[in-house]
């Protein structure tokens, strides 16, 4: 199963399994699947769609953007091993 590992300053804080056929939202709002306490994050920052084995990251119009391996992206297919950056918070995507 695919997993997001949330880390700050290189330390893993939490792990989030990504079930198949789901949409996971990330941001400051408590309405998100994954809530992050990061002032540089938007309330609804980005989402990850898992569908038929494909995993796609989609920025939801965030003010500060979403980065994958240091590059700002709007949409990106994830393969495994990428580092997602939202403000000061990092997630490592593992398959």
N, C-alpha and C. Protein backbone atom coordinates (compact mmCIF):
# COMPACT_ATOMS: atom_id res chain seq x y z
N UNK A 1 0.84 -1.18 0.00
CA UNK A 1 0.00 0.00 0.00
C UNK A 1 0.89 1.25 0.00
N UNK A 2 0.47 2.26 -0.71
CA UNK A 2 1.19 3.53 -0.77
C UNK A 2 1.06 4.27 0.57
N UNK A 3 2.11 5.02 0.91
CA UNK A 3 2.14 5.72 2.19
C UNK A 3 2.77 7.10 2.02
N UNK A 4 2.24 8.07 2.78
CA UNK A 4 2.87 9.37 2.92
C UNK A 4 3.47 9.44 4.32
N UNK A 5 4.75 9.80 4.40
CA UNK A 5 5.40 9.98 5.69
C UNK A 5 5.64 11.46 5.89
N UNK A 6 4.96 12.05 6.88
CA UNK A 6 5.11 13.47 7.16
C UNK A 6 6.33 13.67 8.04
N UNK A 7 7.17 14.63 7.65
CA UNK A 7 8.35 14.91 8.46
C UNK A 7 8.63 16.40 8.52
N UNK A 8 9.24 16.80 9.61
CA UNK A 8 9.74 18.16 9.79
C UNK A 8 11.16 18.04 10.32
N UNK A 9 12.05 18.83 9.77
CA UNK A 9 13.47 18.82 10.14
C UNK A 9 14.05 17.40 10.05
N UNK A 10 13.60 16.65 9.05
CA UNK A 10 14.12 15.32 8.80
C UNK A 10 13.56 14.21 9.68
N UNK A 11 12.72 14.56 10.65
CA UNK A 11 12.16 13.58 11.57
C UNK A 11 10.74 13.20 11.14
N UNK A 12 10.48 11.88 11.01
CA UNK A 12 9.15 11.40 10.64
C UNK A 12 8.21 11.61 11.82
N UNK A 13 7.13 12.35 11.58
CA UNK A 13 6.15 12.64 12.63
C UNK A 13 4.97 11.69 12.59
N UNK A 14 4.50 11.38 11.38
CA UNK A 14 3.34 10.51 11.21
C UNK A 14 3.40 9.83 9.86
N UNK A 15 2.67 8.73 9.76
CA UNK A 15 2.54 8.02 8.49
C UNK A 15 1.07 7.93 8.14
N UNK A 16 0.77 8.12 6.84
CA UNK A 16 -0.61 8.08 6.37
C UNK A 16 -0.71 7.08 5.21
N UNK A 17 -1.42 5.96 5.41
CA UNK A 17 -1.61 5.03 4.30
C UNK A 17 -2.57 5.64 3.28
N UNK A 18 -2.32 5.39 2.01
CA UNK A 18 -3.18 5.88 0.93
C UNK A 18 -3.90 4.68 0.32
N UNK A 19 -5.15 4.53 0.65
CA UNK A 19 -5.93 3.41 0.14
C UNK A 19 -6.22 3.61 -1.34
N UNK A 20 -6.48 2.50 -2.03
CA UNK A 20 -6.82 2.58 -3.45
C UNK A 20 -8.19 3.21 -3.62
N UNK A 21 -8.37 3.85 -4.76
CA UNK A 21 -9.64 4.48 -5.14
C UNK A 21 -10.05 5.56 -4.13
N UNK A 22 -9.11 6.40 -3.71
CA UNK A 22 -9.42 7.45 -2.75
C UNK A 22 -8.87 8.80 -3.19
N UNK A 23 -9.39 9.82 -2.54
CA UNK A 23 -8.85 11.18 -2.68
C UNK A 23 -8.48 11.63 -1.27
N UNK A 24 -7.23 12.02 -1.09
CA UNK A 24 -6.73 12.51 0.19
C UNK A 24 -6.42 13.98 0.02
N UNK A 25 -6.99 14.82 0.91
CA UNK A 25 -6.72 16.26 0.84
C UNK A 25 -5.78 16.64 1.97
N UNK A 26 -4.94 17.65 1.70
CA UNK A 26 -3.95 18.12 2.67
C UNK A 26 -4.06 19.63 2.80
N UNK A 27 -4.03 20.14 4.04
CA UNK A 27 -4.07 21.57 4.27
C UNK A 27 -4.29 21.89 5.74
N UNK A 28 -4.47 23.18 6.04
CA UNK A 28 -4.66 23.63 7.42
C UNK A 28 -6.07 23.40 7.94
N UNK A 29 -7.05 23.35 7.08
CA UNK A 29 -8.44 23.20 7.51
C UNK A 29 -8.70 21.84 8.13
N UNK A 30 -9.49 21.79 9.22
CA UNK A 30 -9.83 20.50 9.83
C UNK A 30 -10.67 19.61 8.91
N UNK A 31 -11.19 20.16 7.83
CA UNK A 31 -11.99 19.37 6.89
C UNK A 31 -11.12 18.47 5.99
N UNK A 32 -9.80 18.64 6.02
CA UNK A 32 -8.90 17.84 5.20
C UNK A 32 -8.69 16.45 5.78
N UNK A 33 -8.31 15.52 4.92
CA UNK A 33 -7.93 14.17 5.36
C UNK A 33 -6.67 14.22 6.21
N UNK A 34 -5.71 15.05 5.79
CA UNK A 34 -4.46 15.25 6.52
C UNK A 34 -4.37 16.74 6.86
N UNK A 35 -4.42 17.05 8.15
CA UNK A 35 -4.36 18.43 8.62
C UNK A 35 -2.93 18.72 9.04
N UNK A 36 -2.38 19.83 8.51
CA UNK A 36 -1.02 20.21 8.90
C UNK A 36 -1.03 21.59 9.56
N UNK A 37 -0.22 21.72 10.57
CA UNK A 37 -0.08 22.98 11.30
C UNK A 37 1.11 23.72 10.71
N UNK A 38 0.87 24.41 9.60
CA UNK A 38 1.94 25.09 8.88
C UNK A 38 1.35 26.36 8.30
N UNK A 39 1.82 27.50 8.78
CA UNK A 39 1.28 28.80 8.35
C UNK A 39 1.48 29.06 6.86
N UNK A 40 2.43 28.39 6.22
CA UNK A 40 2.67 28.57 4.79
C UNK A 40 1.76 27.69 3.94
N UNK A 41 0.95 26.89 4.61
CA UNK A 41 0.00 26.02 3.90
C UNK A 41 -1.34 26.76 3.74
N UNK A 42 -2.01 26.48 2.64
CA UNK A 42 -3.37 27.00 2.46
C UNK A 42 -4.34 26.11 3.22
N UNK A 43 -5.55 26.62 3.44
CA UNK A 43 -6.56 25.81 4.13
C UNK A 43 -6.83 24.52 3.36
N UNK A 44 -6.99 24.64 2.06
CA UNK A 44 -7.12 23.48 1.17
C UNK A 44 -5.96 23.56 0.20
N UNK A 45 -4.86 22.90 0.52
CA UNK A 45 -3.61 23.09 -0.20
C UNK A 45 -3.49 22.21 -1.44
N UNK A 46 -3.61 20.89 -1.25
CA UNK A 46 -3.46 19.97 -2.38
C UNK A 46 -4.23 18.69 -2.11
N UNK A 47 -4.30 17.85 -3.14
CA UNK A 47 -4.96 16.55 -2.99
C UNK A 47 -4.13 15.49 -3.69
N UNK A 48 -4.32 14.27 -3.23
CA UNK A 48 -3.69 13.12 -3.86
C UNK A 48 -4.79 12.15 -4.24
N UNK A 49 -4.88 11.85 -5.53
CA UNK A 49 -5.88 10.91 -6.04
C UNK A 49 -5.21 9.57 -6.32
N UNK A 50 -5.78 8.51 -5.78
CA UNK A 50 -5.31 7.15 -6.05
C UNK A 50 -6.41 6.46 -6.83
N UNK A 51 -6.12 6.09 -8.07
CA UNK A 51 -7.13 5.48 -8.93
C UNK A 51 -6.48 4.47 -9.86
N UNK A 52 -6.93 3.24 -9.78
CA UNK A 52 -6.43 2.16 -10.63
C UNK A 52 -4.91 2.04 -10.63
N UNK A 53 -4.33 2.20 -9.45
CA UNK A 53 -2.88 2.06 -9.32
C UNK A 53 -2.08 3.30 -9.62
N UNK A 54 -2.71 4.33 -10.19
CA UNK A 54 -2.02 5.59 -10.46
C UNK A 54 -2.21 6.52 -9.26
N UNK A 55 -1.17 7.30 -8.96
CA UNK A 55 -1.21 8.25 -7.85
C UNK A 55 -0.85 9.61 -8.42
N UNK A 56 -1.76 10.58 -8.24
CA UNK A 56 -1.57 11.91 -8.83
C UNK A 56 -1.72 12.98 -7.75
N UNK A 57 -0.73 13.87 -7.68
CA UNK A 57 -0.78 15.02 -6.79
C UNK A 57 -1.35 16.20 -7.56
N UNK A 58 -2.29 16.93 -6.96
CA UNK A 58 -2.90 18.10 -7.60
C UNK A 58 -2.92 19.25 -6.61
N UNK A 59 -2.25 20.36 -6.94
CA UNK A 59 -2.30 21.57 -6.13
C UNK A 59 -3.69 22.18 -6.30
N UNK A 60 -4.29 22.65 -5.20
CA UNK A 60 -5.65 23.18 -5.24
C UNK A 60 -5.66 24.71 -5.26
N UNK A 61 -4.71 25.29 -5.99
CA UNK A 61 -4.66 26.75 -6.10
C UNK A 61 -4.05 27.40 -4.87
N UNK A 62 -3.16 26.70 -4.21
CA UNK A 62 -2.54 27.23 -2.99
C UNK A 62 -1.72 28.49 -3.28
N UNK A 63 -1.64 29.36 -2.29
CA UNK A 63 -0.91 30.62 -2.46
C UNK A 63 0.60 30.39 -2.59
N UNK A 64 1.14 29.47 -1.81
CA UNK A 64 2.60 29.25 -1.79
C UNK A 64 3.05 28.07 -2.63
N UNK A 65 2.12 27.35 -3.21
CA UNK A 65 2.47 26.26 -4.11
C UNK A 65 2.84 24.96 -3.41
N UNK A 66 2.89 23.92 -4.21
CA UNK A 66 3.28 22.59 -3.76
C UNK A 66 4.50 22.19 -4.58
N UNK A 67 5.51 21.66 -3.90
CA UNK A 67 6.73 21.26 -4.59
C UNK A 67 6.90 19.75 -4.52
N UNK A 68 7.42 19.19 -5.61
CA UNK A 68 7.80 17.79 -5.65
C UNK A 68 9.27 17.76 -6.02
N UNK A 69 10.08 17.21 -5.14
CA UNK A 69 11.53 17.17 -5.31
C UNK A 69 12.10 18.56 -5.64
N UNK A 70 11.56 19.57 -4.94
CA UNK A 70 12.06 20.93 -5.08
C UNK A 70 11.49 21.74 -6.22
N UNK A 71 10.67 21.14 -7.08
CA UNK A 71 10.09 21.83 -8.23
C UNK A 71 8.61 22.11 -7.98
N UNK A 72 8.22 23.37 -8.14
CA UNK A 72 6.81 23.73 -7.96
C UNK A 72 5.97 23.09 -9.07
N UNK A 73 4.88 22.43 -8.68
CA UNK A 73 4.04 21.72 -9.65
C UNK A 73 2.57 22.06 -9.42
N UNK A 74 1.80 21.95 -10.48
CA UNK A 74 0.34 22.05 -10.37
C UNK A 74 -0.25 20.64 -10.29
N UNK A 75 0.23 19.76 -11.16
CA UNK A 75 -0.18 18.35 -11.15
C UNK A 75 1.05 17.51 -11.46
N UNK A 76 1.11 16.33 -10.80
CA UNK A 76 2.27 15.47 -11.02
C UNK A 76 1.89 14.04 -10.66
N UNK A 77 2.22 13.10 -11.54
CA UNK A 77 2.07 11.68 -11.24
C UNK A 77 3.23 11.28 -10.33
N UNK A 78 2.91 10.54 -9.26
CA UNK A 78 3.92 10.11 -8.31
C UNK A 78 4.26 8.65 -8.57
N UNK A 79 5.54 8.32 -8.49
CA UNK A 79 6.02 6.96 -8.75
C UNK A 79 6.54 6.28 -7.49
N UNK A 80 7.04 7.07 -6.56
CA UNK A 80 7.62 6.53 -5.33
C UNK A 80 8.97 7.16 -5.06
N UNK A 81 9.20 7.55 -3.82
CA UNK A 81 10.46 8.16 -3.43
C UNK A 81 10.48 9.68 -3.52
N UNK A 82 9.44 10.28 -4.06
CA UNK A 82 9.41 11.74 -4.18
C UNK A 82 9.22 12.40 -2.80
N UNK A 83 9.74 13.63 -2.70
CA UNK A 83 9.54 14.44 -1.50
C UNK A 83 8.59 15.58 -1.87
N UNK A 84 7.45 15.64 -1.21
CA UNK A 84 6.45 16.69 -1.41
C UNK A 84 6.67 17.74 -0.34
N UNK A 85 6.72 19.01 -0.72
CA UNK A 85 6.95 20.09 0.23
C UNK A 85 5.78 21.06 0.21
N UNK A 86 5.22 21.28 1.40
CA UNK A 86 4.15 22.24 1.61
C UNK A 86 4.60 23.15 2.73
N UNK A 87 5.01 24.36 2.39
CA UNK A 87 5.57 25.27 3.41
C UNK A 87 6.82 24.66 4.01
N UNK A 88 6.83 24.47 5.33
CA UNK A 88 7.96 23.87 6.04
C UNK A 88 7.77 22.36 6.25
N UNK A 89 6.64 21.83 5.80
CA UNK A 89 6.31 20.43 6.03
C UNK A 89 6.66 19.61 4.80
N UNK A 90 7.29 18.46 5.03
CA UNK A 90 7.64 17.55 3.95
C UNK A 90 6.92 16.23 4.12
N UNK A 91 6.59 15.65 2.99
CA UNK A 91 6.03 14.30 2.96
C UNK A 91 6.89 13.49 2.00
N UNK A 92 7.21 12.27 2.39
CA UNK A 92 7.89 11.34 1.48
C UNK A 92 6.84 10.36 1.01
N UNK A 93 6.70 10.22 -0.30
CA UNK A 93 5.75 9.28 -0.86
C UNK A 93 6.46 7.95 -1.12
N UNK A 94 5.92 6.89 -0.55
CA UNK A 94 6.49 5.56 -0.74
C UNK A 94 5.43 4.62 -1.27
N UNK A 95 5.86 3.78 -2.20
CA UNK A 95 4.96 2.75 -2.75
C UNK A 95 5.19 1.45 -2.05
